[in-house]
Amino acid sequence: MIDVDPTLLPQASSAPAFPPLTTNGDKTLLKSETRRIAIPPHRMTPLKKDWINIFGPLTEILGLQVRMNVQRRCVEARTSKHTKDIGALQKGADFVKAYALGFDVNDAIALLRLDDLYLDSFEIKDVKTLHGDHLSRAIGRIAGQDGKTKFTIENASRTRIVLADTKIHIMGSFQNIKVARDAIVSLILGSPPGKVYAGLRTVSSRMRQRAL
């Protein structure tokens, strides 16, 4: 029997060896997925008017196949061979959902282009149980005269806000949503707008210093 030096034997590698992937190898792994986004009745007419602006980004930017189902009152989207990003369907659903909640198309498109944008929704009764005139006054405090308070909060916190009856929808980055939500909660609880503006000025100046 021949003695062989063990150091000369090839050492078994612990890392597995995989063959190289082809260029379109990851595309074949993507199954065709479908998503149905419900549209409230009062948003169907605006959806029909803005359909070209909604349809375009979903097909061109995300490579999805989209159709409007009028009978079911929903928008149906599915992945196609042109879909490159695995999260494209979720982004498309968020975009259509933002429009359904009442956001402008140009604001909602930001959800497709930027990764760190989110939607947050809550009701006034989640903060404080109000009825009748007290509820109406709380909504009035959030909106302000001619929407001035709402615009001020939007500009100071770099968010977009939709007031839909007693529901409030905010779109922005995680930190900015928190700033806007804190300001709105203060108004619901009865703080005068002047005090809320002062707080927003402090927070926005702090945010600018951090950005430098």
Protein backbone atom coordinates (compact mmCIF):
# COMPACT_ATOMS: atom_id res chain seq x y z
CA MET A 1 0.00 0.00 0.00
CA ILE A 2 1.37 3.43 -1.02
CA ASP A 3 1.61 6.03 1.73
CA VAL A 4 0.20 9.41 0.58
CA ASP A 5 1.01 12.65 2.35
CA PRO A 6 -2.39 14.03 3.59
CA THR A 7 -1.23 17.62 2.99
CA LEU A 8 -1.01 16.92 -0.77
CA LEU A 9 -4.67 15.81 -1.02
CA PRO A 10 -7.15 18.44 -2.32
CA GLN A 11 -9.10 19.98 0.59
CA ALA A 12 -12.91 19.87 0.35
CA SER A 13 -14.30 23.42 0.28
CA SER A 14 -17.11 24.21 2.75
CA ALA A 15 -18.66 26.79 0.37
CA PRO A 16 -21.03 25.32 -2.24
CA ALA A 17 -20.16 25.94 -5.90
CA PHE A 18 -23.04 27.13 -8.09
CA PRO A 19 -22.98 27.51 -11.88
CA PRO A 20 -23.09 31.13 -13.13
CA LEU A 21 -26.55 32.56 -13.75
CA THR A 22 -27.63 33.65 -17.20
CA THR A 23 -28.61 37.26 -17.89
CA ASN A 24 -32.34 36.58 -17.75
CA GLY A 25 -32.09 33.83 -15.14
CA ASP A 26 -33.75 35.86 -12.39
CA LYS A 27 -36.62 36.83 -14.69
CA THR A 28 -37.68 33.20 -15.16
CA LEU A 29 -38.02 32.87 -11.36
CA LEU A 30 -40.61 35.69 -11.18
CA LYS A 31 -44.09 34.16 -11.23
CA SER A 32 -46.97 36.15 -12.66
CA GLU A 33 -48.62 37.80 -9.64
CA THR A 34 -51.87 39.77 -9.61
CA ARG A 35 -53.03 42.46 -7.20
CA ARG A 36 -56.51 44.01 -6.95
CA ILE A 37 -56.81 47.49 -5.39
CA ALA A 38 -60.32 48.56 -4.34
CA ILE A 39 -61.40 52.10 -5.28
CA PRO A 40 -64.04 53.95 -3.16
CA PRO A 41 -67.17 54.99 -5.13
CA HIS A 42 -66.42 58.72 -4.83
CA ARG A 43 -62.95 58.24 -6.39
CA MET A 44 -64.15 56.37 -9.52
CA THR A 45 -64.96 59.53 -11.53
CA PRO A 46 -61.58 61.21 -10.77
CA LEU A 47 -59.87 57.86 -11.58
CA LYS A 48 -61.48 57.80 -15.04
CA LYS A 49 -60.36 61.40 -15.68
CA ASP A 50 -56.76 60.78 -14.53
CA TRP A 51 -56.49 57.24 -15.93
CA ILE A 52 -53.84 58.16 -18.55
CA ASN A 53 -51.62 59.73 -15.83
CA ILE A 54 -52.06 56.66 -13.58
CA PHE A 55 -51.72 54.04 -16.31
CA GLY A 56 -48.53 55.56 -17.80
CA PRO A 57 -46.17 55.35 -14.77
CA LEU A 58 -47.35 51.84 -13.84
CA THR A 59 -46.55 50.46 -17.28
CA GLU A 60 -43.48 52.57 -18.17
CA ILE A 61 -41.65 52.82 -14.81
CA LEU A 62 -42.66 49.46 -13.26
CA GLY A 63 -43.43 47.38 -16.36
CA LEU A 64 -46.79 46.15 -14.98
CA GLN A 65 -49.94 45.21 -16.88
CA VAL A 66 -52.88 47.29 -15.56
CA ARG A 67 -56.60 47.49 -16.17
CA MET A 68 -59.55 49.28 -14.59
CA ASN A 69 -62.43 47.00 -13.59
CA VAL A 70 -65.45 49.32 -13.50
CA GLN A 71 -67.97 46.67 -12.38
CA ARG A 72 -65.89 45.58 -9.39
CA ARG A 73 -64.73 49.18 -8.75
CA CYS A 74 -61.07 48.25 -8.56
CA VAL A 75 -57.76 48.49 -10.42
CA GLU A 76 -56.11 45.19 -11.30
CA ALA A 77 -52.34 44.99 -11.81
CA ARG A 78 -50.10 42.04 -12.62
CA THR A 79 -46.44 41.41 -13.35
CA SER A 80 -45.28 40.80 -16.91
CA LYS A 81 -42.07 39.82 -18.72
CA HIS A 82 -41.10 43.53 -18.66
CA THR A 83 -41.25 43.72 -14.83
CA LYS A 84 -37.66 44.00 -13.58
CA ASP A 85 -38.05 44.78 -9.87
CA ILE A 86 -39.47 42.10 -7.55
CA GLY A 87 -41.21 44.80 -5.45
CA ALA A 88 -42.79 46.52 -8.46
CA LEU A 89 -46.27 45.11 -7.81
CA GLN A 90 -46.27 46.36 -4.19
CA LYS A 91 -45.06 49.81 -5.31
CA GLY A 92 -47.80 49.95 -7.94
CA ALA A 93 -50.45 48.93 -5.40
CA ASP A 94 -49.24 51.66 -2.97
CA PHE A 95 -49.39 54.24 -5.79
CA VAL A 96 -52.99 53.36 -6.72
CA LYS A 97 -53.98 53.14 -3.03
CA ALA A 98 -52.55 56.64 -2.40
CA TYR A 99 -54.63 57.99 -5.29
CA ALA A 100 -57.73 56.16 -3.97
CA LEU A 101 -57.22 57.80 -0.55
CA GLY A 102 -57.34 61.25 -2.18
CA PHE A 103 -53.72 62.22 -2.92
CA ASP A 104 -52.90 64.05 -6.15
CA VAL A 105 -51.40 61.94 -8.99
CA ASN A 106 -48.19 64.01 -9.04
CA ASP A 107 -47.71 63.48 -5.28
CA ALA A 108 -48.53 59.76 -5.49
CA ILE A 109 -45.94 59.23 -8.29
CA ALA A 110 -43.23 60.01 -5.70
CA LEU A 111 -44.04 56.60 -4.13
CA LEU A 112 -42.77 54.95 -7.35
CA ARG A 113 -39.60 57.01 -7.62
CA LEU A 114 -38.47 57.09 -3.97
CA ASP A 115 -37.99 54.12 -1.64
CA ASP A 116 -38.38 55.77 1.78
CA LEU A 117 -41.93 57.13 1.36
CA TYR A 118 -44.82 55.65 3.34
CA LEU A 119 -48.55 56.12 3.90
CA ASP A 120 -50.02 56.54 7.38
CA SER A 121 -53.73 56.76 8.21
CA PHE A 122 -55.61 57.36 11.44
CA GLU A 123 -58.96 58.68 12.62
CA ILE A 124 -59.75 61.56 14.97
CA LYS A 125 -61.49 59.14 17.35
CA ASP A 126 -58.17 57.24 17.68
CA VAL A 127 -56.78 60.35 19.40
CA LYS A 128 -59.85 61.59 21.28
CA THR A 129 -63.52 60.64 21.25
CA LEU A 130 -65.39 63.70 19.97
CA HIS A 131 -69.01 64.16 18.84
CA GLY A 132 -71.11 66.79 17.12
CA ASP A 133 -69.76 70.35 17.13
CA HIS A 134 -66.60 69.34 19.02
CA LEU A 135 -65.70 66.97 16.14
CA SER A 136 -66.46 69.64 13.52
CA ARG A 137 -64.28 72.17 15.37
CA ALA A 138 -61.39 69.66 15.57
CA ILE A 139 -61.56 69.12 11.78
CA GLY A 140 -61.72 72.91 11.32
CA ARG A 141 -58.62 73.40 13.51
CA ILE A 142 -56.65 70.89 11.41
CA ALA A 143 -57.70 72.47 8.10
CA GLY A 144 -57.55 76.11 9.19
CA GLN A 145 -59.04 79.04 7.29
CA ASP A 146 -58.82 78.28 3.52
CA GLY A 147 -56.68 75.24 4.39
CA LYS A 148 -53.88 77.45 5.77
CA THR A 149 -53.06 75.26 8.81
CA LYS A 150 -52.94 72.08 6.70
CA PHE A 151 -50.58 73.72 4.15
CA THR A 152 -48.34 75.02 6.94
CA ILE A 153 -48.01 71.53 8.48
CA GLU A 154 -47.33 70.05 5.00
CA ASN A 155 -44.61 72.57 4.19
CA ALA A 156 -42.93 72.45 7.60
CA SER A 157 -42.87 68.63 7.80
CA ARG A 158 -42.37 67.99 4.04
CA THR A 159 -45.40 65.69 3.86
CA ARG A 160 -48.73 65.58 2.03
CA ILE A 161 -51.95 65.41 4.08
CA VAL A 162 -55.48 64.42 3.03
CA LEU A 163 -58.44 65.24 5.30
CA ALA A 164 -61.29 62.89 4.44
CA ASP A 165 -64.11 63.54 6.92
CA THR A 166 -62.80 62.13 10.23
CA LYS A 167 -59.92 60.19 8.59
CA ILE A 168 -56.46 61.70 8.12
CA HIS A 169 -53.96 60.30 5.61
CA ILE A 170 -50.29 61.39 5.60
CA MET A 171 -47.65 60.60 2.97
CA GLY A 172 -43.94 61.19 3.58
CA SER A 173 -40.80 59.70 5.09
CA PHE A 174 -41.05 57.96 8.48
CA GLN A 175 -39.54 60.89 10.43
CA ASN A 176 -41.61 63.53 8.60
CA ILE A 177 -44.86 61.61 9.13
CA LYS A 178 -44.15 61.58 12.87
CA VAL A 179 -43.66 65.39 12.88
CA ALA A 180 -46.92 65.98 10.97
CA ARG A 181 -48.87 63.48 13.09
CA ASP A 182 -47.68 65.09 16.35
CA ALA A 183 -48.83 68.52 15.09
CA ILE A 184 -52.25 67.17 14.03
CA VAL A 185 -52.71 65.31 17.35
CA SER A 186 -51.97 68.55 19.25
CA LEU A 187 -54.64 70.38 17.21
CA ILE A 188 -57.19 67.60 17.85
CA LEU A 189 -56.49 67.79 21.59
CA GLY A 190 -57.25 71.52 21.52
CA SER A 191 -53.89 73.32 21.18
CA PRO A 192 -54.18 76.74 19.50
CA PRO A 193 -52.65 76.85 15.98
CA GLY A 194 -50.08 79.49 17.05
CA LYS A 195 -48.56 77.10 19.59
CA VAL A 196 -48.45 74.29 17.00
CA TYR A 197 -46.76 76.59 14.44
CA ALA A 198 -44.07 77.48 17.00
CA GLY A 199 -43.43 73.78 17.66
CA LEU A 200 -43.23 73.08 13.91
CA ARG A 201 -40.73 75.93 13.42
CA THR A 202 -38.47 74.44 16.12
CA VAL A 203 -38.68 70.92 14.66
CA SER A 204 -38.14 72.03 11.05
CA SER A 205 -35.08 74.15 11.99
CA ARG A 206 -33.68 71.10 13.82
CA MET A 207 -34.31 68.95 10.73
CA ARG A 208 -32.50 71.50 8.52
CA GLN A 209 -29.47 71.51 10.85
CA ARG A 210 -29.30 67.70 10.74
CA ALA A 211 -29.44 67.78 6.93
CA LEU A 212 -26.39 70.10 6.76
